Amino acid sequence: MEPRGMKKWRPFATMPEQYIGLKEIINKQAEVAQLVLTEEQMEQINFTLIEAFHTNKQVYLTYYKNGQHMTDTGFIQFVDSLGDLFIFIDEVFELKNKMKLSELIDVRFM
């Protein structure tokens, strides 16, 4: 008698579309709504960004992207308050990231 091993599970892996659909459903359930910041909070974030830009201090960013709250650390390279844009350099990969100011949730110094 020979053991079947993993052969008995093969019929369940015949529909990869099912796994893709289930993954999408799980991701949609994990989504969170974007926070609406007050005028005072937005002003504080703007001041912190400008100070981090001028002093070249490292910041801890919390932002909203694709239904998730993401966190990142880096250095601010450019801030455009009127254009709703800022650029930061990621600490880990040292990549330039462009982001909208409206996506920011929180900015803190390290």
PDB file of N, CA and C in Angstrom:
ATOM      1  N   MET A   1       0.849  -1.179   0.000  1.00  0.00           N
ATOM      2  CA  MET A   1       0.000   0.000   0.000  1.00  0.00           C
ATOM      3  C   MET A   1       0.895   1.241   0.000  1.00  0.00           C
ATOM      4  N   GLU A   2       0.551   2.191  -0.820  1.00  0.00           N
ATOM      5  CA  GLU A   2       1.345   3.406  -0.995  1.00  0.00           C
ATOM      6  C   GLU A   2       0.567   4.606  -0.444  1.00  0.00           C
ATOM      7  N   PRO A   3       1.210   5.473   0.361  1.00  0.00           N
ATOM      8  CA  PRO A   3       0.495   6.646   0.888  1.00  0.00           C
ATOM      9  C   PRO A   3       0.196   7.635  -0.239  1.00  0.00           C
ATOM     10  N   ARG A   4      -0.960   8.285  -0.141  1.00  0.00           N
ATOM     11  CA  ARG A   4      -1.384   9.218  -1.190  1.00  0.00           C
ATOM     12  C   ARG A   4      -0.669  10.565  -1.103  1.00  0.00           C
ATOM     13  N   GLY A   5      -0.217  10.951   0.058  1.00  0.00           N
ATOM     14  CA  GLY A   5       0.490  12.228   0.203  1.00  0.00           C
ATOM     15  C   GLY A   5      -0.426  13.401  -0.099  1.00  0.00           C
ATOM     16  N   MET A   6       0.029  14.307  -0.937  1.00  0.00           N
ATOM     17  CA  MET A   6      -0.732  15.517  -1.254  1.00  0.00           C
ATOM     18  C   MET A   6      -1.702  15.324  -2.414  1.00  0.00           C
ATOM     19  N   LYS A   7      -1.765  14.170  -2.987  1.00  0.00           N
ATOM     20  CA  LYS A   7      -2.655  13.935  -4.124  1.00  0.00           C
ATOM     21  C   LYS A   7      -4.111  14.167  -3.762  1.00  0.00           C
ATOM     22  N   LYS A   8      -4.480  13.855  -2.542  1.00  0.00           N
ATOM     23  CA  LYS A   8      -5.885  13.979  -2.158  1.00  0.00           C
ATOM     24  C   LYS A   8      -6.352  15.435  -2.114  1.00  0.00           C
ATOM     25  N   TRP A   9      -5.441  16.427  -2.051  1.00  0.00           N
ATOM     26  CA  TRP A   9      -5.825  17.830  -1.985  1.00  0.00           C
ATOM     27  C   TRP A   9      -5.855  18.509  -3.346  1.00  0.00           C
ATOM     28  N   ARG A  10      -5.431  17.849  -4.367  1.00  0.00           N
ATOM     29  CA  ARG A  10      -5.357  18.453  -5.691  1.00  0.00           C
ATOM     30  C   ARG A  10      -6.701  18.902  -6.249  1.00  0.00           C
ATOM     31  N   PRO A  11      -7.810  18.217  -6.049  1.00  0.00           N
ATOM     32  CA  PRO A  11      -9.069  18.694  -6.626  1.00  0.00           C
ATOM     33  C   PRO A  11      -9.478  20.083  -6.124  1.00  0.00           C
ATOM     34  N   PHE A  12      -9.028  20.479  -4.949  1.00  0.00           N
ATOM     35  CA  PHE A  12      -9.402  21.782  -4.412  1.00  0.00           C
ATOM     36  C   PHE A  12      -8.586  22.916  -5.017  1.00  0.00           C
ATOM     37  N   ALA A  13      -7.508  22.607  -5.694  1.00  0.00           N
ATOM     38  CA  ALA A  13      -6.654  23.635  -6.296  1.00  0.00           C
ATOM     39  C   ALA A  13      -6.904  23.763  -7.795  1.00  0.00           C
ATOM     40  N   THR A  14      -8.010  23.286  -8.280  1.00  0.00           N
ATOM     41  CA  THR A  14      -8.268  23.328  -9.717  1.00  0.00           C
ATOM     42  C   THR A  14      -8.930  24.619 -10.164  1.00  0.00           C
ATOM     43  N   MET A  15      -9.383  25.458  -9.237  1.00  0.00           N
ATOM     44  CA  MET A  15     -10.085  26.695  -9.596  1.00  0.00           C
ATOM     45  C   MET A  15      -9.325  27.905  -9.047  1.00  0.00           C
ATOM     46  N   PRO A  16      -8.289  28.371  -9.723  1.00  0.00           N
ATOM     47  CA  PRO A  16      -7.536  29.522  -9.207  1.00  0.00           C
ATOM     48  C   PRO A  16      -8.365  30.804  -9.197  1.00  0.00           C
ATOM     49  N   GLU A  17      -9.389  30.878 -10.050  1.00  0.00           N
ATOM     50  CA  GLU A  17     -10.254  32.061 -10.047  1.00  0.00           C
ATOM     51  C   GLU A  17     -10.968  32.215  -8.714  1.00  0.00           C
ATOM     52  N   GLN A  18     -11.292  31.089  -8.095  1.00  0.00           N
ATOM     53  CA  GLN A  18     -11.965  31.127  -6.798  1.00  0.00           C
ATOM     54  C   GLN A  18     -11.058  31.763  -5.753  1.00  0.00           C
ATOM     55  N   TYR A  19      -9.770  31.436  -5.757  1.00  0.00           N
ATOM     56  CA  TYR A  19      -8.838  32.001  -4.792  1.00  0.00           C
ATOM     57  C   TYR A  19      -8.657  33.494  -5.016  1.00  0.00           C
ATOM     58  N   ILE A  20      -8.640  33.912  -6.272  1.00  0.00           N
ATOM     59  CA  ILE A  20      -8.518  35.340  -6.583  1.00  0.00           C
ATOM     60  C   ILE A  20      -9.740  36.086  -6.071  1.00  0.00           C
ATOM     61  N   GLY A  21     -10.923  35.538  -6.308  1.00  0.00           N
ATOM     62  CA  GLY A  21     -12.158  36.166  -5.844  1.00  0.00           C
ATOM     63  C   GLY A  21     -12.235  36.244  -4.335  1.00  0.00           C
ATOM     64  N   LEU A  22     -11.841  35.185  -3.656  1.00  0.00           N
ATOM     65  CA  LEU A  22     -11.851  35.190  -2.192  1.00  0.00           C
ATOM     66  C   LEU A  22     -10.861  36.200  -1.635  1.00  0.00           C
ATOM     67  N   LYS A  23      -9.704  36.323  -2.263  1.00  0.00           N
ATOM     68  CA  LYS A  23      -8.714  37.295  -1.814  1.00  0.00           C
ATOM     69  C   LYS A  23      -9.244  38.718  -1.953  1.00  0.00           C
ATOM     70  N   GLU A  24      -9.949  39.004  -3.053  1.00  0.00           N
ATOM     71  CA  GLU A  24     -10.546  40.328  -3.245  1.00  0.00           C
ATOM     72  C   GLU A  24     -11.597  40.624  -2.186  1.00  0.00           C
ATOM     73  N   ILE A  25     -12.411  39.644  -1.855  1.00  0.00           N
ATOM     74  CA  ILE A  25     -13.449  39.830  -0.838  1.00  0.00           C
ATOM     75  C   ILE A  25     -12.821  40.104   0.522  1.00  0.00           C
ATOM     76  N   ILE A  26     -11.776  39.360   0.860  1.00  0.00           N
ATOM     77  CA  ILE A  26     -11.099  39.557   2.148  1.00  0.00           C
ATOM     78  C   ILE A  26     -10.463  40.934   2.202  1.00  0.00           C
ATOM     79  N   ASN A  27      -9.840  41.374   1.102  1.00  0.00           N
ATOM     80  CA  ASN A  27      -9.227  42.703   1.067  1.00  0.00           C
ATOM     81  C   ASN A  27     -10.268  43.811   1.202  1.00  0.00           C
ATOM     82  N   LYS A  28     -11.429  43.643   0.600  1.00  0.00           N
ATOM     83  CA  LYS A  28     -12.484  44.656   0.719  1.00  0.00           C
ATOM     84  C   LYS A  28     -13.023  44.740   2.136  1.00  0.00           C
ATOM     85  N   GLN A  29     -13.076  43.618   2.829  1.00  0.00           N
ATOM     86  CA  GLN A  29     -13.542  43.621   4.211  1.00  0.00           C
ATOM     87  C   GLN A  29     -12.542  44.307   5.130  1.00  0.00           C
ATOM     88  N   ALA A  30     -11.271  44.280   4.767  1.00  0.00           N
ATOM     89  CA  ALA A  30     -10.225  44.883   5.602  1.00  0.00           C
ATOM     90  C   ALA A  30     -10.060  46.379   5.349  1.00  0.00           C
ATOM     91  N   GLU A  31     -10.737  46.927   4.339  1.00  0.00           N
ATOM     92  CA  GLU A  31     -10.606  48.346   4.031  1.00  0.00           C
ATOM     93  C   GLU A  31     -11.197  49.205   5.143  1.00  0.00           C
ATOM     94  N   VAL A  32     -10.575  50.366   5.340  1.00  0.00           N
ATOM     95  CA  VAL A  32     -11.072  51.336   6.308  1.00  0.00           C
ATOM     96  C   VAL A  32     -11.349  52.646   5.573  1.00  0.00           C
ATOM     97  N   ALA A  33     -12.226  53.432   6.126  1.00  0.00           N
ATOM     98  CA  ALA A  33     -12.566  54.712   5.509  1.00  0.00           C
ATOM     99  C   ALA A  33     -11.479  55.747   5.790  1.00  0.00           C
ATOM    100  N   GLN A  34     -11.323  56.671   4.857  1.00  0.00           N
ATOM    101  CA  GLN A  34     -10.326  57.725   5.043  1.00  0.00           C
ATOM    102  C   GLN A  34     -10.834  58.720   6.078  1.00  0.00           C
ATOM    103  N   LEU A  35      -9.946  59.103   6.986  1.00  0.00           N
ATOM    104  CA  LEU A  35     -10.305  60.041   8.037  1.00  0.00           C
ATOM    105  C   LEU A  35     -10.449  61.448   7.464  1.00  0.00           C
ATOM    106  N   VAL A  36     -11.393  62.188   7.993  1.00  0.00           N
ATOM    107  CA  VAL A  36     -11.562  63.584   7.615  1.00  0.00           C
ATOM    108  C   VAL A  36     -10.920  64.423   8.715  1.00  0.00           C
ATOM    109  N   LEU A  37      -9.885  65.169   8.345  1.00  0.00           N
ATOM    110  CA  LEU A  37      -9.151  65.967   9.319  1.00  0.00           C
ATOM    111  C   LEU A  37      -9.773  67.349   9.464  1.00  0.00           C
ATOM    112  N   THR A  38      -9.639  67.916  10.655  1.00  0.00           N
ATOM    113  CA  THR A  38     -10.107  69.276  10.876  1.00  0.00           C
ATOM    114  C   THR A  38      -9.092  70.249  10.284  1.00  0.00           C
ATOM    115  N   GLU A  39      -9.497  71.485  10.177  1.00  0.00           N
ATOM    116  CA  GLU A  39      -8.610  72.517   9.643  1.00  0.00           C
ATOM    117  C   GLU A  39      -7.363  72.670  10.514  1.00  0.00           C
ATOM    118  N   GLU A  40      -7.544  72.576  11.817  1.00  0.00           N
ATOM    119  CA  GLU A  40      -6.419  72.695  12.741  1.00  0.00           C
ATOM    120  C   GLU A  40      -5.422  71.547  12.565  1.00  0.00           C
ATOM    121  N   GLN A  41      -5.917  70.323  12.393  1.00  0.00           N
ATOM    122  CA  GLN A  41      -5.046  69.179  12.181  1.00  0.00           C
ATOM    123  C   GLN A  41      -4.260  69.309  10.877  1.00  0.00           C
ATOM    124  N   MET A  42      -4.928  69.763   9.814  1.00  0.00           N
ATOM    125  CA  MET A  42      -4.245  69.956   8.533  1.00  0.00           C
ATOM    126  C   MET A  42      -3.172  71.031   8.634  1.00  0.00           C
ATOM    127  N   GLU A  43      -3.462  72.086   9.379  1.00  0.00           N
ATOM    128  CA  GLU A  43      -2.492  73.155   9.578  1.00  0.00           C
ATOM    129  C   GLU A  43      -1.272  72.652  10.351  1.00  0.00           C
ATOM    130  N   GLN A  44      -1.505  71.846  11.382  1.00  0.00           N
ATOM    131  CA  GLN A  44      -0.406  71.290  12.172  1.00  0.00           C
ATOM    132  C   GLN A  44       0.465  70.364  11.323  1.00  0.00           C
ATOM    133  N   ILE A  45      -0.158  69.553  10.478  1.00  0.00           N
ATOM    134  CA  ILE A  45       0.589  68.665   9.578  1.00  0.00           C
ATOM    135  C   ILE A  45       1.444  69.482   8.624  1.00  0.00           C
ATOM    136  N   ASN A  46       0.872  70.558   8.090  1.00  0.00           N
ATOM    137  CA  ASN A  46       1.605  71.416   7.162  1.00  0.00           C
ATOM    138  C   ASN A  46       2.820  72.056   7.840  1.00  0.00           C
ATOM    139  N   PHE A  47       2.647  72.567   9.058  1.00  0.00           N
ATOM    140  CA  PHE A  47       3.759  73.160   9.795  1.00  0.00           C
ATOM    141  C   PHE A  47       4.852  72.126  10.081  1.00  0.00           C
ATOM    142  N   THR A  48       4.450  70.933  10.463  1.00  0.00           N
ATOM    143  CA  THR A  48       5.410  69.873  10.759  1.00  0.00           C
ATOM    144  C   THR A  48       6.194  69.486   9.502  1.00  0.00           C
ATOM    145  N   LEU A  49       5.507  69.396   8.367  1.00  0.00           N
ATOM    146  CA  LEU A  49       6.183  69.070   7.113  1.00  0.00           C
ATOM    147  C   LEU A  49       7.203  70.135   6.733  1.00  0.00           C
ATOM    148  N   ILE A  50       6.812  71.391   6.862  1.00  0.00           N
ATOM    149  CA  ILE A  50       7.713  72.484   6.497  1.00  0.00           C
ATOM    150  C   ILE A  50       8.914  72.521   7.434  1.00  0.00           C
ATOM    151  N   GLU A  51       8.678  72.308   8.717  1.00  0.00           N
ATOM    152  CA  GLU A  51       9.792  72.291   9.673  1.00  0.00           C
ATOM    153  C   GLU A  51      10.740  71.124   9.384  1.00  0.00           C
ATOM    154  N   ALA A  52      10.176  69.956   9.072  1.00  0.00           N
ATOM    155  CA  ALA A  52      11.000  68.787   8.756  1.00  0.00           C
ATOM    156  C   ALA A  52      11.809  69.024   7.482  1.00  0.00           C
ATOM    157  N   PHE A  53      11.222  69.745   6.535  1.00  0.00           N
ATOM    158  CA  PHE A  53      11.926  70.061   5.294  1.00  0.00           C
ATOM    159  C   PHE A  53      13.108  70.989   5.553  1.00  0.00           C
ATOM    160  N   HIS A  54      12.894  72.038   6.343  1.00  0.00           N
ATOM    161  CA  HIS A  54      13.948  73.018   6.587  1.00  0.00           C
ATOM    162  C   HIS A  54      15.055  72.503   7.513  1.00  0.00           C
ATOM    163  N   THR A  55      14.699  71.656   8.472  1.00  0.00           N
ATOM    164  CA  THR A  55      15.698  71.154   9.422  1.00  0.00           C
ATOM    165  C   THR A  55      16.259  69.796   9.020  1.00  0.00           C
ATOM    166  N   ASN A  56      15.697  69.194   7.965  1.00  0.00           N
ATOM    167  CA  ASN A  56      16.120  67.885   7.474  1.00  0.00           C
ATOM    168  C   ASN A  56      16.029  66.816   8.570  1.00  0.00           C
ATOM    169  N   LYS A  57      14.939  66.874   9.353  1.00  0.00           N
ATOM    170  CA  LYS A  57      14.696  65.871  10.386  1.00  0.00           C
ATOM    171  C   LYS A  57      13.884  64.722   9.802  1.00  0.00           C
ATOM    172  N   GLN A  58      14.088  63.557  10.367  1.00  0.00           N
ATOM    173  CA  GLN A  58      13.340  62.384   9.932  1.00  0.00           C
ATOM    174  C   GLN A  58      11.938  62.426  10.537  1.00  0.00           C
ATOM    175  N   VAL A  59      10.933  62.041   9.723  1.00  0.00           N
ATOM    176  CA  VAL A  59       9.549  62.060  10.188  1.00  0.00           C
ATOM    177  C   VAL A  59       8.919  60.673  10.054  1.00  0.00           C
ATOM    178  N   TYR A  60       7.899  60.474  10.836  1.00  0.00           N
ATOM    179  CA  TYR A  60       7.093  59.262  10.823  1.00  0.00           C
ATOM    180  C   TYR A  60       5.756  59.647  10.207  1.00  0.00           C
ATOM    181  N   LEU A  61       5.457  59.129   9.009  1.00  0.00           N
ATOM    182  CA  LEU A  61       4.247  59.498   8.272  1.00  0.00           C
ATOM    183  C   LEU A  61       3.191  58.409   8.402  1.00  0.00           C
ATOM    184  N   THR A  62       1.951  58.825   8.596  1.00  0.00           N
ATOM    185  CA  THR A  62       0.811  57.925   8.536  1.00  0.00           C
ATOM    186  C   THR A  62      -0.097  58.471   7.442  1.00  0.00           C
ATOM    187  N   TYR A  63      -0.421  57.632   6.465  1.00  0.00           N
ATOM    188  CA  TYR A  63      -1.215  58.100   5.331  1.00  0.00           C
ATOM    189  C   TYR A  63      -2.207  57.028   4.890  1.00  0.00           C
ATOM    190  N   TYR A  64      -3.157  57.454   4.073  1.00  0.00           N
ATOM    191  CA  TYR A  64      -4.216  56.588   3.579  1.00  0.00           C
ATOM    192  C   TYR A  64      -3.912  56.210   2.131  1.00  0.00           C
ATOM    193  N   LYS A  65      -3.885  54.901   1.845  1.00  0.00           N
ATOM    194  CA  LYS A  65      -3.621  54.455   0.482  1.00  0.00           C
ATOM    195  C   LYS A  65      -4.331  53.133   0.228  1.00  0.00           C
ATOM    196  N   ASN A  66      -5.119  53.084  -0.808  1.00  0.00           N
ATOM    197  CA  ASN A  66      -5.827  51.868  -1.233  1.00  0.00           C
ATOM    198  C   ASN A  66      -6.649  51.229  -0.121  1.00  0.00           C
ATOM    199  N   GLY A  67      -7.352  52.049   0.645  1.00  0.00           N
ATOM    200  CA  GLY A  67      -8.212  51.527   1.692  1.00  0.00           C
ATOM    201  C   GLY A  67      -7.497  51.102   2.960  1.00  0.00           C
ATOM    202  N   GLN A  68      -6.229  51.422   3.091  1.00  0.00           N
ATOM    203  CA  GLN A  68      -5.455  51.034   4.258  1.00  0.00           C
ATOM    204  C   GLN A  68      -4.739  52.242   4.853  1.00  0.00           C
ATOM    205  N   HIS A  69      -4.488  52.203   6.132  1.00  0.00           N
ATOM    206  CA  HIS A  69      -3.642  53.208   6.780  1.00  0.00           C
ATOM    207  C   HIS A  69      -2.224  52.670   6.764  1.00  0.00           C
ATOM    208  N   MET A  70      -1.342  53.372   6.092  1.00  0.00           N
ATOM    209  CA  MET A  70       0.040  52.944   5.925  1.00  0.00           C
ATOM    210  C   MET A  70       0.942  53.842   6.774  1.00  0.00           C
ATOM    211  N   THR A  71       2.071  53.312   7.196  1.00  0.00           N
ATOM    212  CA  THR A  71       3.047  54.105   7.933  1.00  0.00           C
ATOM    213  C   THR A  71       4.396  53.981   7.240  1.00  0.00           C
ATOM    214  N   ASP A  72       5.165  55.034   7.332  1.00  0.00           N
ATOM    215  CA  ASP A  72       6.469  55.068   6.688  1.00  0.00           C
ATOM    216  C   ASP A  72       7.336  56.090   7.399  1.00  0.00           C
ATOM    217  N   THR A  73       8.635  55.923   7.304  1.00  0.00           N
ATOM    218  CA  THR A  73       9.551  56.907   7.850  1.00  0.00           C
ATOM    219  C   THR A  73      10.440  57.407   6.724  1.00  0.00           C
ATOM    220  N   GLY A  74      10.841  58.663   6.829  1.00  0.00           N
ATOM    221  CA  GLY A  74      11.698  59.216   5.792  1.00  0.00           C
ATOM    222  C   GLY A  74      11.987  60.686   6.019  1.00  0.00           C
ATOM    223  N   PHE A  75      12.540  61.301   4.990  1.00  0.00           N
ATOM    224  CA  PHE A  75      12.906  62.707   5.026  1.00  0.00           C
ATOM    225  C   PHE A  75      12.100  63.459   3.972  1.00  0.00           C
ATOM    226  N   ILE A  76      11.609  64.636   4.349  1.00  0.00           N
ATOM    227  CA  ILE A  76      10.826  65.461   3.428  1.00  0.00           C
ATOM    228  C   ILE A  76      11.787  66.182   2.491  1.00  0.00           C
ATOM    229  N   GLN A  77      11.497  66.093   1.188  1.00  0.00           N
ATOM    230  CA  GLN A  77      12.363  66.740   0.207  1.00  0.00           C
ATOM    231  C   GLN A  77      11.706  67.967  -0.418  1.00  0.00           C
ATOM    232  N   PHE A  78      10.366  67.973  -0.521  1.00  0.00           N
ATOM    233  CA  PHE A  78       9.663  69.072  -1.180  1.00  0.00           C
ATOM    234  C   PHE A  78       8.249  69.150  -0.635  1.00  0.00           C
ATOM    235  N   VAL A  79       7.760  70.370  -0.409  1.00  0.00           N
ATOM    236  CA  VAL A  79       6.389  70.579   0.055  1.00  0.00           C
ATOM    237  C   VAL A  79       5.763  71.678  -0.785  1.00  0.00           C
ATOM    238  N   ASP A  80       4.601  71.404  -1.367  1.00  0.00           N
ATOM    239  CA  ASP A  80       3.836  72.384  -2.133  1.00  0.00           C
ATOM    240  C   ASP A  80       2.420  72.401  -1.569  1.00  0.00           C
ATOM    241  N   SER A  81       2.166  73.327  -0.659  1.00  0.00           N
ATOM    242  CA  SER A  81       0.860  73.389   0.001  1.00  0.00           C
ATOM    243  C   SER A  81      -0.259  73.751  -0.962  1.00  0.00           C
ATOM    244  N   LEU A  82       0.014  74.628  -1.894  1.00  0.00           N
ATOM    245  CA  LEU A  82      -1.020  75.045  -2.839  1.00  0.00           C
ATOM    246  C   LEU A  82      -1.334  73.955  -3.857  1.00  0.00           C
ATOM    247  N   GLY A  83      -0.334  73.199  -4.238  1.00  0.00           N
ATOM    248  CA  GLY A  83      -0.530  72.123  -5.208  1.00  0.00           C
ATOM    249  C   GLY A  83      -0.919  70.802  -4.588  1.00  0.00           C
ATOM    250  N   ASP A  84      -1.084  70.769  -3.267  1.00  0.00           N
ATOM    251  CA  ASP A  84      -1.479  69.561  -2.539  1.00  0.00           C
ATOM    252  C   ASP A  84      -0.511  68.407  -2.822  1.00  0.00           C
ATOM    253  N   LEU A  85       0.797  68.688  -2.723  1.00  0.00           N
ATOM    254  CA  LEU A  85       1.797  67.698  -3.067  1.00  0.00           C
ATOM    255  C   LEU A  85       3.003  67.812  -2.144  1.00  0.00           C
ATOM    256  N   PHE A  86       3.607  66.685  -1.819  1.00  0.00           N
ATOM    257  CA  PHE A  86       4.889  66.689  -1.139  1.00  0.00           C
ATOM    258  C   PHE A  86       5.667  65.461  -1.574  1.00  0.00           C
ATOM    259  N   ILE A  87       6.973  65.548  -1.446  1.00  0.00           N
ATOM    260  CA  ILE A  87       7.858  64.453  -1.834  1.00  0.00           C
ATOM    261  C   ILE A  87       8.696  64.077  -0.620  1.00  0.00           C
ATOM    262  N   PHE A  88       8.761  62.784  -0.328  1.00  0.00           N
ATOM    263  CA  PHE A  88       9.617  62.332   0.759  1.00  0.00           C
ATOM    264  C   PHE A  88      10.483  61.178   0.286  1.00  0.00           C
ATOM    265  N   ILE A  89      11.634  61.043   0.928  1.00  0.00           N
ATOM    266  CA  ILE A  89      12.572  59.973   0.607  1.00  0.00           C
ATOM    267  C   ILE A  89      12.421  58.898   1.661  1.00  0.00           C
ATOM    268  N   ASP A  90      12.086  57.719   1.223  1.00  0.00           N
ATOM    269  CA  ASP A  90      11.876  56.577   2.094  1.00  0.00           C
ATOM    270  C   ASP A  90      13.188  56.183   2.773  1.00  0.00           C
ATOM    271  N   GLU A  91      13.114  55.904   4.069  1.00  0.00           N
ATOM    272  CA  GLU A  91      14.311  55.549   4.826  1.00  0.00           C
ATOM    273  C   GLU A  91      14.863  54.183   4.425  1.00  0.00           C
ATOM    274  N   VAL A  92      13.986  53.234   4.147  1.00  0.00           N
ATOM    275  CA  VAL A  92      14.414  51.860   3.902  1.00  0.00           C
ATOM    276  C   VAL A  92      15.021  51.693   2.501  1.00  0.00           C
ATOM    277  N   PHE A  93      14.255  52.098   1.473  1.00  0.00           N
ATOM    278  CA  PHE A  93      14.694  51.871   0.104  1.00  0.00           C
ATOM    279  C   PHE A  93      15.334  53.094  -0.542  1.00  0.00           C
ATOM    280  N   GLU A  94      15.293  54.237   0.147  1.00  0.00           N
ATOM    281  CA  GLU A  94      15.824  55.502  -0.335  1.00  0.00           C
ATOM    282  C   GLU A  94      15.221  55.896  -1.680  1.00  0.00           C
ATOM    283  N   LEU A  95      13.910  55.693  -1.816  1.00  0.00           N
ATOM    284  CA  LEU A  95      13.188  56.061  -3.027  1.00  0.00           C
ATOM    285  C   LEU A  95      12.424  57.351  -2.813  1.00  0.00           C
ATOM    286  N   LYS A  96      12.271  58.135  -3.882  1.00  0.00           N
ATOM    287  CA  LYS A  96      11.458  59.338  -3.810  1.00  0.00           C
ATOM    288  C   LYS A  96       9.994  58.945  -3.994  1.00  0.00           C
ATOM    289  N   ASN A  97       9.150  59.416  -3.117  1.00  0.00           N
ATOM    290  CA  ASN A  97       7.720  59.125  -3.180  1.00  0.00           C
ATOM    291  C   ASN A  97       6.944  60.425  -3.268  1.00  0.00           C
ATOM    292  N   LYS A  98       6.128  60.576  -4.297  1.00  0.00           N
ATOM    293  CA  LYS A  98       5.237  61.727  -4.407  1.00  0.00           C
ATOM    294  C   LYS A  98       3.904  61.340  -3.775  1.00  0.00           C
ATOM    295  N   MET A  99       3.361  62.271  -3.011  1.00  0.00           N
ATOM    296  CA  MET A  99       2.108  61.986  -2.343  1.00  0.00           C
ATOM    297  C   MET A  99       1.295  63.262  -2.193  1.00  0.00           C
ATOM    298  N   LYS A 100      -0.014  63.109  -2.155  1.00  0.00           N
ATOM    299  CA  LYS A 100      -0.895  64.251  -1.944  1.00  0.00           C
ATOM    300  C   LYS A 100      -0.981  64.557  -0.453  1.00  0.00           C
ATOM    301  N   LEU A 101      -1.056  65.828  -0.146  1.00  0.00           N
ATOM    302  CA  LEU A 101      -1.210  66.232   1.255  1.00  0.00           C
ATOM    303  C   LEU A 101      -2.545  65.752   1.823  1.00  0.00           C
ATOM    304  N   SER A 102      -3.554  65.639   0.964  1.00  0.00           N
ATOM    305  CA  SER A 102      -4.872  65.205   1.430  1.00  0.00           C
ATOM    306  C   SER A 102      -4.879  63.743   1.875  1.00  0.00           C
ATOM    307  N   GLU A 103      -3.865  62.958   1.486  1.00  0.00           N
ATOM    308  CA  GLU A 103      -3.779  61.556   1.903  1.00  0.00           C
ATOM    309  C   GLU A 103      -3.150  61.389   3.281  1.00  0.00           C
ATOM    310  N   LEU A 104      -2.496  62.437   3.777  1.00  0.00           N
ATOM    311  CA  LEU A 104      -1.820  62.349   5.073  1.00  0.00           C
ATOM    312  C   LEU A 104      -2.815  62.305   6.220  1.00  0.00           C
ATOM    313  N   ILE A 105      -2.503  61.492   7.198  1.00  0.00           N
ATOM    314  CA  ILE A 105      -3.315  61.416   8.417  1.00  0.00           C
ATOM    315  C   ILE A 105      -2.555  62.036   9.584  1.00  0.00           C
ATOM    316  N   ASP A 106      -1.250  61.735   9.664  1.00  0.00           N
ATOM    317  CA  ASP A 106      -0.464  62.239  10.770  1.00  0.00           C
ATOM    318  C   ASP A 106       1.008  62.307  10.368  1.00  0.00           C
ATOM    319  N   VAL A 107       1.720  63.307  10.903  1.00  0.00           N
ATOM    320  CA  VAL A 107       3.162  63.454  10.697  1.00  0.00           C
ATOM    321  C   VAL A 107       3.771  63.763  12.043  1.00  0.00           C
ATOM    322  N   ARG A 108       4.786  62.979  12.417  1.00  0.00           N
ATOM    323  CA  ARG A 108       5.476  63.204  13.694  1.00  0.00           C
ATOM    324  C   ARG A 108       6.973  63.095  13.491  1.00  0.00           C
ATOM    325  N   PHE A 109       7.709  63.799  14.337  1.00  0.00           N
ATOM    326  CA  PHE A 109       9.168  63.688  14.306  1.00  0.00           C
ATOM    327  C   PHE A 109       9.574  62.406  15.001  1.00  0.00           C
ATOM    328  N   MET A 110      10.668  61.839  14.540  1.00  0.00           N
ATOM    329  CA  MET A 110      11.183  60.604  15.136  1.00  0.00           C
ATOM    330  C   MET A 110      11.888  60.918  16.442  1.00  0.00           C
TER     331      MET A 110
END
